Amino acid sequence: FWNRYDKLADGHDQRLIKNLNDNLDVLLIFAGLFSAVNTSFLQMTTPSLSPDPSAETNYLLRLLITKLDNTTFPSAPEPPSQSKVLISVRTNCLLYSSLCCSILAAVGAMLAKEWLQSFERGGQVGPLQDQVLRRQHKFNGVRQWQLEPMTRLLPTLLLISVVLFFFGLIEFL
C-alpha cells in the first residue's frame, strides 16, 4: 500500500511543483523587469514633486517690485501654478503604487518558491511510512494555506501594477 501511495503522491507532487515553479519563474522575471522600468520613470518624475525654486524666486521678486513701484506692473503677479504639482503628485502616487504591487508580487512569488522547495521530498530518510506521513502533513499545509490559489493571485497583482503604471504614464504625458 505505502509503495503505491508513494508513487502516486510523488507523481502528483512533481507535477504540482513543476507547474507552479515554472509559473513563478516567469512571474519573477516579469516583475523584476517591470520594476526596473517603473523605477526609471519614478526617477524622472520624483524631482517634479519639489517646487521649482527659480519660479518661486521670480514670483517673489516680481511681488517685491510691484510693492515698491506700483506703476511697473498694473496688478500683482500671479503665484506659480499649482496644477503641475498636483499632476506630479497624482503621477507619482500611481507609479509608486504600481511599484509596490510589483514588488509585493515578487515577494509573494519568492515565498511561494521557498514553500515549494521545502515541499519537495528529496533527501528524506527513514521508513517509507514515516516519509509518506511527513509528505501528507506538508501537503495538508499546502492545502490549508491555499498555496495554489495564492500563486494564481500573483499575476493579477502584477496586472494591477501594469494598469496603475499606464494610468500614471497617461497622467505624466
N, C-alpha and C. Protein backbone atom coordinates (compact mmCIF):
# COMPACT_ATOMS: atom_id res chain seq x y z
N PHE A 1 0.82 -1.20 0.00
CA PHE A 1 0.00 0.00 0.00
C PHE A 1 0.87 1.26 0.00
N TRP A 2 1.87 1.30 0.89
CA TRP A 2 2.67 2.51 1.01
C TRP A 2 3.48 2.78 -0.25
N ASN A 3 3.95 1.72 -0.90
CA ASN A 3 4.71 1.91 -2.14
C ASN A 3 3.82 2.52 -3.23
N ARG A 4 2.62 2.01 -3.35
CA ARG A 4 1.69 2.53 -4.36
C ARG A 4 1.33 3.99 -4.05
N TYR A 5 1.02 4.26 -2.80
CA TYR A 5 0.69 5.63 -2.38
C TYR A 5 1.87 6.56 -2.65
N ASP A 6 3.07 6.10 -2.31
CA ASP A 6 4.26 6.92 -2.50
C ASP A 6 4.45 7.26 -3.97
N LYS A 7 4.25 6.29 -4.84
CA LYS A 7 4.43 6.51 -6.28
C LYS A 7 3.40 7.51 -6.81
N LEU A 8 2.14 7.34 -6.42
CA LEU A 8 1.09 8.26 -6.87
C LEU A 8 1.30 9.67 -6.31
N ALA A 9 1.61 9.74 -5.04
CA ALA A 9 1.81 11.05 -4.40
C ALA A 9 3.02 11.76 -4.99
N ASP A 10 4.09 11.00 -5.25
CA ASP A 10 5.29 11.60 -5.81
C ASP A 10 5.02 12.17 -7.21
N GLY A 11 4.27 11.43 -8.02
CA GLY A 11 3.92 11.93 -9.35
C GLY A 11 3.09 13.21 -9.27
N HIS A 12 2.12 13.22 -8.37
CA HIS A 12 1.28 14.41 -8.18
C HIS A 12 2.13 15.59 -7.71
N ASP A 13 2.98 15.34 -6.74
CA ASP A 13 3.80 16.42 -6.18
C ASP A 13 4.76 16.99 -7.22
N GLN A 14 5.36 16.13 -8.02
CA GLN A 14 6.31 16.61 -9.03
C GLN A 14 5.60 17.48 -10.08
N ARG A 15 4.41 17.07 -10.50
CA ARG A 15 3.65 17.89 -11.46
C ARG A 15 3.27 19.24 -10.84
N LEU A 16 2.81 19.21 -9.60
CA LEU A 16 2.42 20.44 -8.91
C LEU A 16 3.61 21.37 -8.77
N ILE A 17 4.72 20.85 -8.32
CA ILE A 17 5.91 21.67 -8.10
C ILE A 17 6.43 22.23 -9.42
N LYS A 18 6.48 21.40 -10.46
CA LYS A 18 6.99 21.88 -11.75
C LYS A 18 6.09 22.97 -12.32
N ASN A 19 4.79 22.74 -12.29
CA ASN A 19 3.84 23.71 -12.83
C ASN A 19 3.94 25.05 -12.10
N LEU A 20 3.89 25.00 -10.78
CA LEU A 20 3.94 26.25 -10.01
C LEU A 20 5.31 26.93 -10.13
N ASN A 21 6.39 26.15 -10.10
CA ASN A 21 7.72 26.74 -10.22
C ASN A 21 7.91 27.44 -11.57
N ASP A 22 7.44 26.81 -12.65
CA ASP A 22 7.56 27.43 -13.97
C ASP A 22 6.79 28.75 -14.03
N ASN A 23 5.57 28.74 -13.51
CA ASN A 23 4.77 29.97 -13.49
C ASN A 23 5.43 31.05 -12.64
N LEU A 24 5.96 30.66 -11.51
CA LEU A 24 6.59 31.64 -10.62
C LEU A 24 7.88 32.19 -11.21
N ASP A 25 8.61 31.37 -11.96
CA ASP A 25 9.83 31.87 -12.61
C ASP A 25 9.50 32.97 -13.61
N VAL A 26 8.48 32.75 -14.43
CA VAL A 26 8.08 33.76 -15.41
C VAL A 26 7.60 35.02 -14.69
N LEU A 27 6.84 34.83 -13.64
CA LEU A 27 6.33 35.97 -12.89
C LEU A 27 7.47 36.79 -12.27
N LEU A 28 8.47 36.11 -11.73
CA LEU A 28 9.60 36.81 -11.12
C LEU A 28 10.40 37.59 -12.16
N ILE A 29 10.60 37.02 -13.32
CA ILE A 29 11.33 37.72 -14.38
C ILE A 29 10.56 38.97 -14.80
N PHE A 30 9.26 38.81 -15.04
CA PHE A 30 8.46 39.96 -15.45
C PHE A 30 8.43 41.03 -14.36
N ALA A 31 8.25 40.61 -13.12
CA ALA A 31 8.18 41.57 -12.01
C ALA A 31 9.49 42.34 -11.88
N GLY A 32 10.60 41.65 -12.05
CA GLY A 32 11.90 42.32 -11.95
C GLY A 32 12.10 43.33 -13.07
N LEU A 33 11.81 42.93 -14.29
CA LEU A 33 11.98 43.85 -15.42
C LEU A 33 11.00 45.02 -15.33
N PHE A 34 9.77 44.72 -14.97
CA PHE A 34 8.78 45.78 -14.87
C PHE A 34 9.12 46.76 -13.75
N SER A 35 9.62 46.25 -12.65
CA SER A 35 10.01 47.14 -11.55
C SER A 35 11.15 48.05 -11.96
N ALA A 36 12.06 47.53 -12.78
CA ALA A 36 13.17 48.36 -13.26
C ALA A 36 12.65 49.49 -14.16
N VAL A 37 11.73 49.16 -15.05
CA VAL A 37 11.14 50.19 -15.92
C VAL A 37 10.38 51.21 -15.09
N ASN A 38 9.60 50.73 -14.15
CA ASN A 38 8.82 51.62 -13.29
C ASN A 38 9.74 52.55 -12.49
N THR A 39 10.82 52.00 -11.99
CA THR A 39 11.76 52.80 -11.20
C THR A 39 12.40 53.89 -12.05
N SER A 40 12.68 53.58 -13.31
CA SER A 40 13.28 54.61 -14.16
C SER A 40 12.30 55.76 -14.40
N PHE A 41 11.02 55.45 -14.55
CA PHE A 41 10.04 56.53 -14.68
C PHE A 41 9.91 57.31 -13.38
N LEU A 42 9.97 56.61 -12.26
CA LEU A 42 9.90 57.31 -10.97
C LEU A 42 11.09 58.24 -10.79
N GLN A 43 12.23 57.81 -11.28
CA GLN A 43 13.42 58.65 -11.18
C GLN A 43 13.24 59.94 -11.99
N MET A 44 12.50 59.84 -13.08
CA MET A 44 12.25 61.03 -13.90
C MET A 44 11.20 61.94 -13.28
N THR A 45 10.20 61.37 -12.63
CA THR A 45 9.07 62.18 -12.16
C THR A 45 9.19 62.66 -10.72
N THR A 46 9.97 61.99 -9.91
CA THR A 46 10.07 62.38 -8.50
C THR A 46 10.61 63.79 -8.29
N PRO A 47 11.61 64.25 -9.05
CA PRO A 47 12.07 65.63 -8.84
C PRO A 47 11.00 66.69 -9.07
N SER A 48 9.99 66.38 -9.86
CA SER A 48 8.94 67.37 -10.11
C SER A 48 8.02 67.56 -8.90
N LEU A 49 8.19 66.75 -7.86
CA LEU A 49 7.39 66.94 -6.65
C LEU A 49 7.86 68.15 -5.86
N SER A 50 9.12 68.50 -5.99
CA SER A 50 9.65 69.67 -5.30
C SER A 50 9.30 70.92 -6.09
N PRO A 51 8.97 71.99 -5.40
CA PRO A 51 8.66 73.22 -6.13
C PRO A 51 9.91 73.76 -6.82
N ASP A 52 9.69 74.40 -7.95
CA ASP A 52 10.80 74.99 -8.70
C ASP A 52 11.28 76.23 -7.97
N PRO A 53 12.51 76.22 -7.44
CA PRO A 53 12.97 77.37 -6.65
C PRO A 53 13.10 78.64 -7.49
N SER A 54 13.43 78.51 -8.76
CA SER A 54 13.57 79.72 -9.58
C SER A 54 12.20 80.36 -9.84
N ALA A 55 11.17 79.56 -10.02
CA ALA A 55 9.83 80.12 -10.22
C ALA A 55 9.36 80.84 -8.97
N GLU A 56 9.63 80.26 -7.83
CA GLU A 56 9.24 80.91 -6.57
C GLU A 56 10.02 82.20 -6.36
N THR A 57 11.31 82.17 -6.67
CA THR A 57 12.14 83.37 -6.54
C THR A 57 11.67 84.46 -7.49
N ASN A 58 11.37 84.09 -8.73
CA ASN A 58 10.87 85.07 -9.70
C ASN A 58 9.55 85.68 -9.23
N TYR A 59 8.69 84.86 -8.69
CA TYR A 59 7.41 85.36 -8.19
C TYR A 59 7.64 86.36 -7.06
N LEU A 60 8.51 86.02 -6.13
CA LEU A 60 8.77 86.91 -5.00
C LEU A 60 9.42 88.21 -5.46
N LEU A 61 10.33 88.15 -6.43
CA LEU A 61 10.95 89.36 -6.96
C LEU A 61 9.92 90.25 -7.65
N ARG A 62 9.04 89.66 -8.43
CA ARG A 62 8.00 90.44 -9.10
C ARG A 62 7.06 91.08 -8.08
N LEU A 63 6.76 90.34 -7.04
CA LEU A 63 5.90 90.86 -5.99
C LEU A 63 6.58 92.02 -5.28
N LEU A 64 7.87 91.89 -5.02
CA LEU A 64 8.63 92.95 -4.37
C LEU A 64 8.68 94.20 -5.24
N ILE A 65 8.91 94.02 -6.52
CA ILE A 65 8.95 95.17 -7.44
C ILE A 65 7.58 95.82 -7.51
N THR A 66 6.54 95.04 -7.51
CA THR A 66 5.18 95.58 -7.55
C THR A 66 4.90 96.39 -6.30
N LYS A 67 5.36 95.94 -5.17
CA LYS A 67 5.13 96.66 -3.92
C LYS A 67 5.93 97.96 -3.88
N LEU A 68 7.15 97.93 -4.43
CA LEU A 68 7.98 99.13 -4.40
C LEU A 68 7.50 100.19 -5.39
N ASP A 69 7.19 99.74 -6.57
CA ASP A 69 6.78 100.68 -7.60
C ASP A 69 5.52 100.14 -8.27
N ASN A 70 4.40 100.61 -7.84
CA ASN A 70 3.13 100.08 -8.29
C ASN A 70 2.86 100.40 -9.76
N THR A 71 3.67 101.23 -10.39
CA THR A 71 3.43 101.58 -11.79
C THR A 71 4.09 100.59 -12.75
N THR A 72 5.04 99.80 -12.29
CA THR A 72 5.74 98.87 -13.18
C THR A 72 4.80 97.79 -13.68
N PHE A 73 4.03 97.20 -12.79
CA PHE A 73 3.07 96.17 -13.17
C PHE A 73 1.68 96.67 -12.80
N PRO A 74 0.74 96.53 -13.71
CA PRO A 74 -0.59 97.03 -13.41
C PRO A 74 -1.25 96.33 -12.23
N SER A 75 -0.93 95.07 -12.02
CA SER A 75 -1.51 94.35 -10.88
C SER A 75 -0.45 93.41 -10.31
N ALA A 76 -0.74 92.89 -9.15
CA ALA A 76 0.21 91.97 -8.52
C ALA A 76 0.32 90.70 -9.37
N PRO A 77 1.53 90.16 -9.48
CA PRO A 77 1.70 88.95 -10.30
C PRO A 77 1.01 87.75 -9.67
N GLU A 78 0.66 86.82 -10.53
CA GLU A 78 0.01 85.58 -10.08
C GLU A 78 1.06 84.66 -9.47
N PRO A 79 0.71 83.95 -8.41
CA PRO A 79 1.65 82.98 -7.85
C PRO A 79 1.87 81.82 -8.83
N PRO A 80 2.97 81.11 -8.68
CA PRO A 80 3.22 79.98 -9.58
C PRO A 80 2.08 78.97 -9.54
N SER A 81 1.81 78.38 -10.68
CA SER A 81 0.68 77.45 -10.81
C SER A 81 0.92 76.18 -10.00
N GLN A 82 -0.13 75.74 -9.32
CA GLN A 82 -0.06 74.51 -8.54
C GLN A 82 -0.57 73.30 -9.32
N SER A 83 -1.10 73.54 -10.53
CA SER A 83 -1.67 72.42 -11.29
C SER A 83 -0.60 71.41 -11.68
N LYS A 84 0.60 71.90 -12.00
CA LYS A 84 1.68 70.98 -12.35
C LYS A 84 2.08 70.13 -11.15
N VAL A 85 2.04 70.72 -9.98
CA VAL A 85 2.39 69.98 -8.77
C VAL A 85 1.35 68.90 -8.50
N LEU A 86 0.07 69.22 -8.69
CA LEU A 86 -0.98 68.23 -8.46
C LEU A 86 -0.88 67.07 -9.45
N ILE A 87 -0.59 67.38 -10.70
CA ILE A 87 -0.41 66.33 -11.70
C ILE A 87 0.79 65.46 -11.32
N SER A 88 1.84 66.10 -10.87
CA SER A 88 3.04 65.35 -10.47
C SER A 88 2.76 64.45 -9.27
N VAL A 89 1.98 64.95 -8.33
CA VAL A 89 1.64 64.14 -7.15
C VAL A 89 0.80 62.94 -7.57
N ARG A 90 -0.20 63.16 -8.42
CA ARG A 90 -1.03 62.04 -8.88
C ARG A 90 -0.20 61.03 -9.66
N THR A 91 0.67 61.53 -10.53
CA THR A 91 1.52 60.64 -11.33
C THR A 91 2.40 59.79 -10.43
N ASN A 92 3.05 60.43 -9.47
CA ASN A 92 3.95 59.69 -8.59
C ASN A 92 3.19 58.73 -7.68
N CYS A 93 2.00 59.10 -7.26
CA CYS A 93 1.20 58.16 -6.45
C CYS A 93 0.88 56.91 -7.25
N LEU A 94 0.49 57.09 -8.51
CA LEU A 94 0.19 55.93 -9.35
C LEU A 94 1.43 55.09 -9.61
N LEU A 95 2.55 55.74 -9.90
CA LEU A 95 3.76 54.99 -10.20
C LEU A 95 4.30 54.27 -8.96
N TYR A 96 4.25 54.93 -7.81
CA TYR A 96 4.71 54.26 -6.59
C TYR A 96 3.77 53.11 -6.20
N SER A 97 2.48 53.29 -6.41
CA SER A 97 1.54 52.20 -6.13
C SER A 97 1.81 51.02 -7.06
N SER A 98 2.10 51.32 -8.30
CA SER A 98 2.44 50.27 -9.26
C SER A 98 3.70 49.53 -8.83
N LEU A 99 4.70 50.27 -8.41
CA LEU A 99 5.95 49.64 -7.96
C LEU A 99 5.71 48.78 -6.72
N CYS A 100 4.90 49.26 -5.81
CA CYS A 100 4.60 48.48 -4.60
C CYS A 100 3.89 47.17 -4.95
N CYS A 101 2.93 47.23 -5.86
CA CYS A 101 2.23 46.00 -6.28
C CYS A 101 3.20 45.02 -6.94
N SER A 102 4.08 45.54 -7.76
CA SER A 102 5.04 44.69 -8.46
C SER A 102 6.00 44.03 -7.47
N ILE A 103 6.49 44.79 -6.53
CA ILE A 103 7.41 44.23 -5.53
C ILE A 103 6.68 43.24 -4.62
N LEU A 104 5.44 43.54 -4.29
CA LEU A 104 4.65 42.62 -3.47
C LEU A 104 4.44 41.29 -4.20
N ALA A 105 4.19 41.36 -5.50
CA ALA A 105 4.03 40.14 -6.29
C ALA A 105 5.34 39.35 -6.33
N ALA A 106 6.46 40.05 -6.46
CA ALA A 106 7.76 39.37 -6.48
C ALA A 106 8.05 38.71 -5.13
N VAL A 107 7.75 39.39 -4.06
CA VAL A 107 7.97 38.81 -2.73
C VAL A 107 7.07 37.59 -2.53
N GLY A 108 5.82 37.70 -2.95
CA GLY A 108 4.92 36.56 -2.86
C GLY A 108 5.42 35.37 -3.67
N ALA A 109 5.95 35.65 -4.85
CA ALA A 109 6.49 34.57 -5.69
C ALA A 109 7.71 33.92 -5.03
N MET A 110 8.56 34.73 -4.44
CA MET A 110 9.74 34.16 -3.76
C MET A 110 9.32 33.30 -2.57
N LEU A 111 8.35 33.76 -1.81
CA LEU A 111 7.87 32.97 -0.68
C LEU A 111 7.25 31.65 -1.14
N ALA A 112 6.49 31.72 -2.23
CA ALA A 112 5.87 30.50 -2.76
C ALA A 112 6.94 29.52 -3.25
N LYS A 113 7.99 30.05 -3.89
CA LYS A 113 9.07 29.17 -4.34
C LYS A 113 9.79 28.52 -3.16
N GLU A 114 9.97 29.27 -2.09
CA GLU A 114 10.58 28.70 -0.88
C GLU A 114 9.70 27.58 -0.32
N TRP A 115 8.41 27.82 -0.30
CA TRP A 115 7.49 26.82 0.22
C TRP A 115 7.52 25.57 -0.65
N LEU A 116 7.55 25.76 -1.97
CA LEU A 116 7.61 24.61 -2.87
C LEU A 116 8.91 23.84 -2.69
N GLN A 117 9.98 24.56 -2.45
CA GLN A 117 11.27 23.89 -2.24
C GLN A 117 11.23 23.04 -0.97
N SER A 118 10.60 23.54 0.06
CA SER A 118 10.52 22.75 1.29
C SER A 118 9.52 21.60 1.15
N PHE A 119 8.60 21.71 0.18
CA PHE A 119 7.61 20.67 -0.04
C PHE A 119 8.22 19.48 -0.79
N GLU A 120 9.28 19.72 -1.55
CA GLU A 120 9.91 18.63 -2.29
C GLU A 120 10.40 17.57 -1.32
N ARG A 121 10.40 16.33 -1.78
CA ARG A 121 10.68 15.22 -0.88
C ARG A 121 12.09 14.68 -1.01
N GLY A 122 12.93 15.32 -1.74
CA GLY A 122 14.28 14.81 -1.93
C GLY A 122 15.06 14.72 -0.63
N GLY A 123 15.83 13.67 -0.47
CA GLY A 123 16.71 13.53 0.68
C GLY A 123 16.04 13.05 1.95
N GLN A 124 14.82 12.57 1.87
CA GLN A 124 14.15 12.08 3.08
C GLN A 124 14.72 10.71 3.45
N VAL A 125 14.84 10.50 4.73
CA VAL A 125 15.35 9.22 5.22
C VAL A 125 14.34 8.65 6.21
N GLY A 126 14.48 7.37 6.46
CA GLY A 126 13.60 6.71 7.42
C GLY A 126 12.67 5.76 6.71
N PRO A 127 11.84 5.11 7.48
CA PRO A 127 10.88 4.15 6.90
C PRO A 127 9.92 4.86 5.94
N LEU A 128 9.50 4.14 4.93
CA LEU A 128 8.62 4.70 3.91
C LEU A 128 7.32 5.24 4.51
N GLN A 129 6.79 4.55 5.49
CA GLN A 129 5.55 5.01 6.12
C GLN A 129 5.74 6.38 6.77
N ASP A 130 6.87 6.61 7.43
CA ASP A 130 7.13 7.92 8.04
C ASP A 130 7.31 9.00 6.98
N GLN A 131 7.98 8.65 5.88
CA GLN A 131 8.16 9.62 4.79
C GLN A 131 6.81 10.02 4.20
N VAL A 132 5.96 9.04 4.01
CA VAL A 132 4.64 9.30 3.43
C VAL A 132 3.80 10.16 4.38
N LEU A 133 3.89 9.90 5.66
CA LEU A 133 3.13 10.69 6.63
C LEU A 133 3.65 12.13 6.68
N ARG A 134 4.97 12.31 6.59
CA ARG A 134 5.53 13.68 6.54
C ARG A 134 5.07 14.40 5.28
N ARG A 135 5.06 13.68 4.17
CA ARG A 135 4.59 14.27 2.91
C ARG A 135 3.14 14.71 3.03
N GLN A 136 2.31 13.85 3.62
CA GLN A 136 0.89 14.18 3.75
C GLN A 136 0.71 15.38 4.67
N HIS A 137 1.52 15.46 5.71
CA HIS A 137 1.44 16.61 6.62
C HIS A 137 1.78 17.90 5.87
N LYS A 138 2.84 17.86 5.05
CA LYS A 138 3.20 19.04 4.26
C LYS A 138 2.12 19.37 3.24
N PHE A 139 1.57 18.34 2.61
CA PHE A 139 0.53 18.56 1.61
C PHE A 139 -0.71 19.17 2.25
N ASN A 140 -1.05 18.72 3.44
CA ASN A 140 -2.18 19.32 4.16
C ASN A 140 -1.91 20.80 4.44
N GLY A 141 -0.66 21.14 4.77
CA GLY A 141 -0.29 22.53 4.99
C GLY A 141 -0.42 23.36 3.72
N VAL A 142 -0.01 22.77 2.59
CA VAL A 142 -0.15 23.46 1.30
C VAL A 142 -1.61 23.74 1.01
N ARG A 143 -2.45 22.76 1.29
CA ARG A 143 -3.89 22.93 1.07
C ARG A 143 -4.49 23.95 2.05
N GLN A 144 -4.11 23.83 3.32
CA GLN A 144 -4.68 24.70 4.35
C GLN A 144 -4.32 26.16 4.09
N TRP A 145 -3.09 26.41 3.68
CA TRP A 145 -2.64 27.78 3.45
C TRP A 145 -2.93 28.26 2.03
N GLN A 146 -3.63 27.45 1.25
CA GLN A 146 -4.10 27.86 -0.07
C GLN A 146 -2.95 28.30 -0.99
N LEU A 147 -1.91 27.48 -1.08
CA LEU A 147 -0.74 27.86 -1.88
C LEU A 147 -1.10 28.04 -3.35
N GLU A 148 -1.84 27.11 -3.92
CA GLU A 148 -2.18 27.23 -5.35
C GLU A 148 -3.03 28.46 -5.64
N PRO A 149 -4.12 28.71 -4.91
CA PRO A 149 -4.88 29.93 -5.19
C PRO A 149 -4.07 31.21 -4.97
N MET A 150 -3.20 31.19 -3.98
CA MET A 150 -2.38 32.38 -3.73
C MET A 150 -1.42 32.63 -4.89
N THR A 151 -0.85 31.57 -5.44
CA THR A 151 0.06 31.77 -6.57
C THR A 151 -0.71 32.19 -7.82
N ARG A 152 -1.99 31.85 -7.90
CA ARG A 152 -2.80 32.31 -9.03
C ARG A 152 -3.18 33.78 -8.89
N LEU A 153 -3.12 34.32 -7.67
CA LEU A 153 -3.43 35.74 -7.47
C LEU A 153 -2.24 36.64 -7.82
N LEU A 154 -1.05 36.11 -7.81
CA LEU A 154 0.13 36.94 -8.06
C LEU A 154 0.13 37.57 -9.45
N PRO A 155 -0.23 36.85 -10.52
CA PRO A 155 -0.31 37.53 -11.82
C PRO A 155 -1.37 38.64 -11.84
N THR A 156 -2.44 38.46 -11.09
CA THR A 156 -3.45 39.51 -11.00
C THR A 156 -2.87 40.76 -10.34
N LEU A 157 -2.06 40.55 -9.33
CA LEU A 157 -1.40 41.67 -8.67
C LEU A 157 -0.45 42.39 -9.64
N LEU A 158 0.23 41.62 -10.47
CA LEU A 158 1.10 42.24 -11.49
C LEU A 158 0.27 42.98 -12.53
N LEU A 159 -0.87 42.44 -12.88
CA LEU A 159 -1.74 43.12 -13.84
C LEU A 159 -2.23 44.45 -13.27
N ILE A 160 -2.58 44.47 -12.01
CA ILE A 160 -2.97 45.72 -11.35
C ILE A 160 -1.80 46.70 -11.39
N SER A 161 -0.61 46.19 -11.17
CA SER A 161 0.58 47.04 -11.22
C SER A 161 0.77 47.67 -12.60
N VAL A 162 0.56 46.88 -13.64
CA VAL A 162 0.71 47.39 -15.01
C VAL A 162 -0.37 48.44 -15.30
N VAL A 163 -1.58 48.19 -14.86
CA VAL A 163 -2.67 49.16 -15.09
C VAL A 163 -2.36 50.48 -14.37
N LEU A 164 -1.92 50.39 -13.13
CA LEU A 164 -1.56 51.61 -12.39
C LEU A 164 -0.42 52.35 -13.08
N PHE A 165 0.54 51.60 -13.59
CA PHE A 165 1.66 52.22 -14.30
C PHE A 165 1.17 52.98 -15.53
N PHE A 166 0.28 52.36 -16.30
CA PHE A 166 -0.20 53.03 -17.51
C PHE A 166 -1.06 54.25 -17.17
N PHE A 167 -1.83 54.19 -16.10
CA PHE A 167 -2.56 55.38 -15.68
C PHE A 167 -1.58 56.49 -15.28
N GLY A 168 -0.53 56.12 -14.58
CA GLY A 168 0.49 57.10 -14.22
C GLY A 168 1.20 57.66 -15.44
N LEU A 169 1.44 56.81 -16.41
CA LEU A 169 2.09 57.25 -17.65
C LEU A 169 1.19 58.20 -18.42
N ILE A 170 -0.09 57.90 -18.48
CA ILE A 170 -1.05 58.79 -19.15
C ILE A 170 -1.10 60.14 -18.43
N GLU A 171 -1.10 60.10 -17.11
CA GLU A 171 -1.11 61.34 -16.33
C GLU A 171 0.17 62.14 -16.57
N PHE A 172 1.28 61.44 -16.71
CA PHE A 172 2.57 62.10 -16.93
C PHE A 172 2.63 62.78 -18.29
N LEU A 173 2.06 62.12 -19.29
CA LEU A 173 2.11 62.68 -20.64
C LEU A 173 1.02 63.71 -20.81
